[in-house]
Amino acid sequence: MKKILISTMSIISSFTIHAGNWSLGAGALVAANPYDSMKTNVLPIPFISYQGKNFALYGPVAKLRYPVNRANIIGLRFQLGMQQFDPDDASDTAMKQLNKRERLLFIGPYHRLRSPFGQLTTSVGYDISDKSNGGMMVNLQYNYPFRSTNRKIFLRPGLGVTWLNHKLNKHYYQVSNTESIRSGFNPYQPSSALNPFTSFFAGIKLSDKLFWTNVARLNYLPQTVYQSPMVNGKKFTYSLITGITYEIGDEKQRFNH
């Protein structure tokens, strides 16, 4: 994995990214934990993003991009998975007996199609952290961008679905025989599944360089996930990122992620 990461950083550093748009600031993440007996995550976070012709960075996602034409962009996508489970943070005694689940690192191709009818993005992510033993996801998302005539408000509602293979769900939600003996939960092996979601992005211009940025997402957990003893019937999770950012650079690339 180290060789892959070194090669990746070398590729990224070879791109000239001076003619882009930087956003710097601070905000907060509020996220409902999918696991039973875990508190809602409320974390202060830095806001650092870059939008350029050949490279983009937005939170835990980085992209190498090649514009084929005005409608199509292809590239390589890198994403740090935010989901994790630490048994020390659980309030339930049985949940405390389960193994820790680490964050994963994904890499894979993606394609973005823009048309008068909206934006369609397809991506594939392979776990290269060696923690899920072959975890993979495929993501399909439709967005329709809105922009006010004075360019002070940017809105992008969206719908999508993510397919997660059984190895990825196993990493996040299985209860092994050993864990079953320790915790008292029945053993559980999840299958692959489709995870539908809806999303909403809003960028509001407060001044010449200051923006209020918001990213919200609501996930519907599939049956193979909510039947896991680790989840205990919870069918929805949500996340919200909100913060104030200061813009530097080319405004034509603004919110082009």
Protein backbone atom coordinates (compact mmCIF):
# COMPACT_ATOMS: atom_id res chain seq x y z
CA MET A 1 0.00 0.00 0.00
CA LYS A 2 2.89 2.38 0.74
CA LYS A 3 4.12 2.06 -2.86
CA ILE A 4 0.64 2.90 -4.16
CA LEU A 5 0.39 5.97 -1.92
CA ILE A 6 3.87 7.20 -2.88
CA SER A 7 3.06 6.77 -6.58
CA THR A 8 -0.25 8.55 -6.12
CA MET A 9 1.32 11.55 -4.40
CA SER A 10 3.97 11.76 -7.13
CA ILE A 11 1.26 11.88 -9.80
CA ILE A 12 -0.70 14.54 -7.92
CA SER A 13 2.35 16.71 -7.31
CA SER A 14 3.21 16.62 -11.03
CA PHE A 15 0.01 18.51 -11.89
CA THR A 16 0.14 22.30 -12.16
CA ILE A 17 -2.68 23.57 -9.94
CA HIS A 18 -1.97 27.30 -9.73
CA ALA A 19 -4.92 28.36 -11.95
CA GLY A 20 -7.66 27.06 -9.69
CA ASN A 21 -9.88 27.99 -6.80
CA TRP A 22 -8.87 27.50 -3.17
CA SER A 23 -11.31 27.63 -0.27
CA LEU A 24 -9.98 27.78 3.28
CA GLY A 25 -11.97 27.93 6.48
CA ALA A 26 -13.44 26.05 9.42
CA GLY A 27 -16.70 24.36 10.32
CA ALA A 28 -18.31 21.37 11.99
CA LEU A 29 -19.36 17.84 11.12
CA VAL A 30 -22.56 16.37 12.58
CA ALA A 31 -23.07 12.70 11.72
CA ALA A 32 -25.46 10.06 13.04
CA ASN A 33 -23.50 6.90 13.87
CA PRO A 34 -24.87 3.75 12.16
CA TYR A 35 -23.83 1.58 15.11
CA ASP A 36 -26.02 0.85 18.12
CA SER A 37 -25.31 2.63 21.44
CA MET A 38 -22.97 5.17 19.81
CA LYS A 39 -23.35 8.94 20.19
CA THR A 40 -23.92 11.28 17.27
CA ASN A 41 -20.56 12.57 16.07
CA VAL A 42 -20.09 16.35 16.43
CA LEU A 43 -16.60 17.39 15.38
CA PRO A 44 -14.91 20.71 14.53
CA ILE A 45 -13.15 20.35 11.19
CA PRO A 46 -10.95 22.46 8.90
CA PHE A 47 -12.36 23.39 5.48
CA ILE A 48 -9.75 23.00 2.76
CA SER A 49 -10.75 22.53 -0.87
CA TYR A 50 -9.21 23.10 -4.28
CA GLN A 51 -11.01 23.10 -7.64
CA GLY A 52 -8.87 23.12 -10.78
CA LYS A 53 -9.00 21.80 -14.32
CA ASN A 54 -6.95 18.65 -13.63
CA PHE A 55 -7.06 18.28 -9.86
CA ALA A 56 -9.70 18.69 -7.15
CA LEU A 57 -9.61 18.29 -3.39
CA TYR A 58 -12.73 18.46 -1.26
CA GLY A 59 -12.59 17.18 2.31
CA PRO A 60 -11.66 13.47 2.30
CA VAL A 61 -11.91 13.20 -1.52
CA ALA A 62 -9.22 13.99 -4.10
CA LYS A 63 -9.55 13.65 -7.89
CA LEU A 64 -7.20 13.61 -10.84
CA ARG A 65 -9.31 14.82 -13.77
CA TYR A 66 -9.10 14.83 -17.55
CA PRO A 67 -11.76 16.89 -19.38
CA VAL A 68 -12.59 14.91 -22.56
CA ASN A 69 -14.92 17.67 -23.75
CA ARG A 70 -17.32 20.21 -22.25
CA ALA A 71 -19.72 17.45 -21.18
CA ASN A 72 -17.44 14.62 -20.06
CA ILE A 73 -14.71 14.34 -17.43
CA ILE A 74 -12.88 11.12 -16.62
CA GLY A 75 -10.34 10.59 -13.89
CA LEU A 76 -9.06 8.82 -10.82
CA ARG A 77 -10.71 9.28 -7.44
CA PHE A 78 -9.18 8.89 -3.98
CA GLN A 79 -11.34 8.81 -0.87
CA LEU A 80 -10.66 8.36 2.82
CA GLY A 81 -13.63 6.49 4.27
CA MET A 82 -15.02 8.25 7.33
CA GLN A 83 -16.83 5.28 8.89
CA GLN A 84 -15.17 3.53 11.82
CA PHE A 85 -16.14 1.71 15.00
CA ASP A 86 -14.28 1.94 18.31
CA PRO A 87 -15.75 -0.39 20.98
CA ASP A 88 -14.42 1.90 23.70
CA ASP A 89 -16.92 4.56 22.56
CA ALA A 90 -19.95 2.24 22.84
CA SER A 91 -22.25 2.51 25.84
CA ASP A 92 -23.62 -1.04 25.49
CA THR A 93 -21.60 -3.74 27.29
CA ALA A 94 -22.02 -6.28 24.48
CA MET A 95 -20.91 -3.77 21.82
CA LYS A 96 -17.74 -3.15 23.83
CA GLN A 97 -16.72 -6.79 23.20
CA LEU A 98 -16.57 -6.40 19.41
CA ASN A 99 -13.48 -5.73 17.32
CA LYS A 100 -12.48 -2.25 16.23
CA ARG A 101 -13.31 -1.28 12.63
CA GLU A 102 -10.76 1.05 11.04
CA ARG A 103 -11.24 3.69 8.37
CA LEU A 104 -10.54 2.52 4.82
CA LEU A 105 -8.80 4.17 1.87
CA PHE A 106 -10.42 3.85 -1.57
CA ILE A 107 -9.09 4.44 -5.07
CA GLY A 108 -10.80 3.97 -8.42
CA PRO A 109 -11.92 5.49 -11.75
CA TYR A 110 -14.79 7.91 -12.15
CA HIS A 111 -16.76 9.61 -14.92
CA ARG A 112 -18.84 12.80 -14.78
CA LEU A 113 -21.39 13.69 -17.46
CA ARG A 114 -22.88 17.18 -17.59
CA SER A 115 -25.95 18.05 -19.66
CA PRO A 116 -28.84 20.56 -19.60
CA PHE A 117 -30.74 17.91 -17.62
CA GLY A 118 -28.22 17.71 -14.77
CA GLN A 119 -25.02 15.97 -13.78
CA LEU A 120 -24.43 12.20 -13.56
CA THR A 121 -21.34 10.85 -11.78
CA THR A 122 -20.24 7.22 -11.70
CA SER A 123 -17.31 6.01 -9.60
CA VAL A 124 -15.71 2.79 -8.40
CA GLY A 125 -13.74 2.51 -5.16
CA TYR A 126 -11.37 -0.31 -4.22
CA ASP A 127 -10.08 -0.52 -0.65
CA ILE A 128 -6.27 -0.35 -0.75
CA SER A 129 -5.78 -0.20 3.02
CA ASP A 130 -5.62 -4.05 3.30
CA LYS A 131 -8.19 -3.91 6.14
CA SER A 132 -11.31 -5.23 4.38
CA ASN A 133 -9.60 -7.91 2.24
CA GLY A 134 -11.14 -6.85 -1.04
CA GLY A 135 -13.82 -4.31 -0.12
CA MET A 136 -15.29 -2.48 -3.09
CA MET A 137 -18.09 -0.01 -3.79
CA VAL A 138 -19.73 1.38 -6.94
CA ASN A 139 -21.44 4.76 -6.73
CA LEU A 140 -24.00 6.34 -9.09
CA GLN A 141 -25.18 9.88 -8.32
CA TYR A 142 -27.42 12.38 -10.12
CA ASN A 143 -27.30 16.10 -9.27
CA TYR A 144 -29.04 19.13 -10.68
CA PRO A 145 -27.07 22.35 -10.06
CA PHE A 146 -28.86 25.67 -9.51
CA ARG A 147 -27.14 29.05 -9.54
CA SER A 148 -28.74 32.43 -8.83
CA THR A 149 -28.36 35.08 -11.51
CA ASN A 150 -26.20 37.20 -9.20
CA ARG A 151 -23.98 34.13 -8.47
CA LYS A 152 -24.54 34.50 -4.73
CA ILE A 153 -26.32 31.19 -4.16
CA PHE A 154 -25.22 27.77 -5.43
CA LEU A 155 -27.50 24.77 -4.84
CA ARG A 156 -27.01 21.15 -5.90
CA PRO A 157 -29.63 18.59 -4.75
CA GLY A 158 -28.96 14.99 -5.66
CA LEU A 159 -30.04 11.36 -5.53
CA GLY A 160 -27.86 8.30 -5.71
CA VAL A 161 -27.20 4.70 -4.86
CA THR A 162 -24.05 2.91 -3.71
CA TRP A 163 -23.43 -0.82 -4.17
CA LEU A 164 -21.18 -2.31 -1.47
CA ASN A 165 -19.79 -5.81 -1.92
CA HIS A 166 -20.06 -8.38 0.88
CA LYS A 167 -16.43 -7.90 1.93
CA LEU A 168 -17.00 -4.21 2.58
CA ASN A 169 -20.20 -4.89 4.55
CA LYS A 170 -18.39 -7.68 6.38
CA HIS A 171 -15.68 -5.24 7.50
CA TYR A 172 -18.25 -2.79 8.85
CA TYR A 173 -21.07 -4.99 10.17
CA GLN A 174 -20.20 -8.67 10.65
CA VAL A 175 -20.18 -10.43 14.03
CA SER A 176 -17.63 -13.25 13.89
CA ASN A 177 -17.87 -16.48 15.89
CA THR A 178 -15.18 -15.21 18.27
CA GLU A 179 -17.01 -11.91 18.76
CA SER A 180 -20.25 -13.82 19.28
CA ILE A 181 -18.76 -15.81 22.15
CA ARG A 182 -17.41 -12.64 23.79
CA SER A 183 -20.47 -10.44 23.30
CA GLY A 184 -23.45 -12.80 23.36
CA PHE A 185 -24.61 -11.57 19.92
CA ASN A 186 -25.54 -14.19 17.33
CA PRO A 187 -22.91 -14.61 14.59
CA TYR A 188 -23.74 -12.47 11.57
CA GLN A 189 -22.39 -12.33 8.02
CA PRO A 190 -23.85 -9.55 5.82
CA SER A 191 -24.19 -9.85 2.06
CA SER A 192 -23.61 -7.27 -0.68
CA ALA A 193 -26.26 -4.55 -0.86
CA LEU A 194 -27.51 -1.33 -2.44
CA ASN A 195 -27.48 1.78 -0.27
CA PRO A 196 -29.78 4.58 -1.61
CA PHE A 197 -29.14 8.15 -0.50
CA THR A 198 -30.12 11.75 -1.10
CA SER A 199 -27.75 14.71 -0.87
CA PHE A 200 -27.84 18.48 -0.86
CA PHE A 201 -25.06 21.04 -1.37
CA ALA A 202 -25.52 24.77 -0.73
CA GLY A 203 -22.93 27.51 -1.14
CA ILE A 204 -24.03 31.01 -0.11
CA LYS A 205 -21.92 34.07 -0.85
CA LEU A 206 -21.65 36.28 2.24
CA SER A 207 -19.17 38.80 0.83
CA ASP A 208 -16.72 39.13 -2.04
CA LYS A 209 -14.56 36.26 -0.71
CA LEU A 210 -16.54 34.66 2.14
CA PHE A 211 -18.91 31.73 1.59
CA TRP A 212 -21.17 29.71 3.86
CA THR A 213 -20.85 26.10 2.69
CA ASN A 214 -23.21 23.25 3.61
CA VAL A 215 -23.19 19.58 2.60
CA ALA A 216 -25.99 17.29 3.84
CA ARG A 217 -26.68 13.61 3.16
CA LEU A 218 -29.38 11.13 4.21
CA ASN A 219 -28.67 7.39 3.82
CA TYR A 220 -31.15 4.51 3.85
CA LEU A 221 -29.47 1.42 5.28
CA PRO A 222 -30.31 -1.81 3.39
CA GLN A 223 -31.74 -4.88 5.11
CA THR A 224 -28.46 -6.78 5.32
CA VAL A 225 -27.02 -3.82 7.26
CA TYR A 226 -29.86 -2.95 9.65
CA GLN A 227 -30.28 -6.63 10.59
CA SER A 228 -26.72 -6.71 11.92
CA PRO A 229 -26.56 -6.83 15.75
CA MET A 230 -24.13 -3.92 15.49
CA VAL A 231 -26.88 -1.73 13.99
CA ASN A 232 -29.92 -3.16 15.79
CA GLY A 233 -32.63 -2.14 13.33
CA LYS A 234 -31.53 1.43 12.61
CA LYS A 235 -32.56 2.22 9.02
CA PHE A 236 -31.38 5.80 8.45
CA THR A 237 -28.22 7.77 9.04
CA TYR A 238 -27.46 11.38 8.19
CA SER A 239 -24.52 13.76 8.03
CA LEU A 240 -24.15 17.54 7.83
CA ILE A 241 -21.03 19.57 7.21
CA THR A 242 -21.34 23.32 7.62
CA GLY A 243 -18.73 26.06 7.76
CA ILE A 244 -17.40 29.42 6.59
CA THR A 245 -14.74 29.48 3.88
CA TYR A 246 -12.52 32.16 2.34
CA GLU A 247 -12.05 31.92 -1.43
CA ILE A 248 -8.75 32.42 -3.25
CA GLY A 249 -8.18 32.13 -7.01
CA ASP A 250 -10.21 31.49 -10.15
CA GLU A 251 -13.93 31.97 -9.45
CA LYS A 252 -14.83 30.07 -12.67
CA GLN A 253 -13.79 26.87 -10.90
CA ARG A 254 -15.92 27.65 -7.82
CA PHE A 255 -17.81 24.60 -6.49
CA ASN A 256 -16.65 22.55 -9.50
CA HIS A 257 -16.26 19.30 -7.55
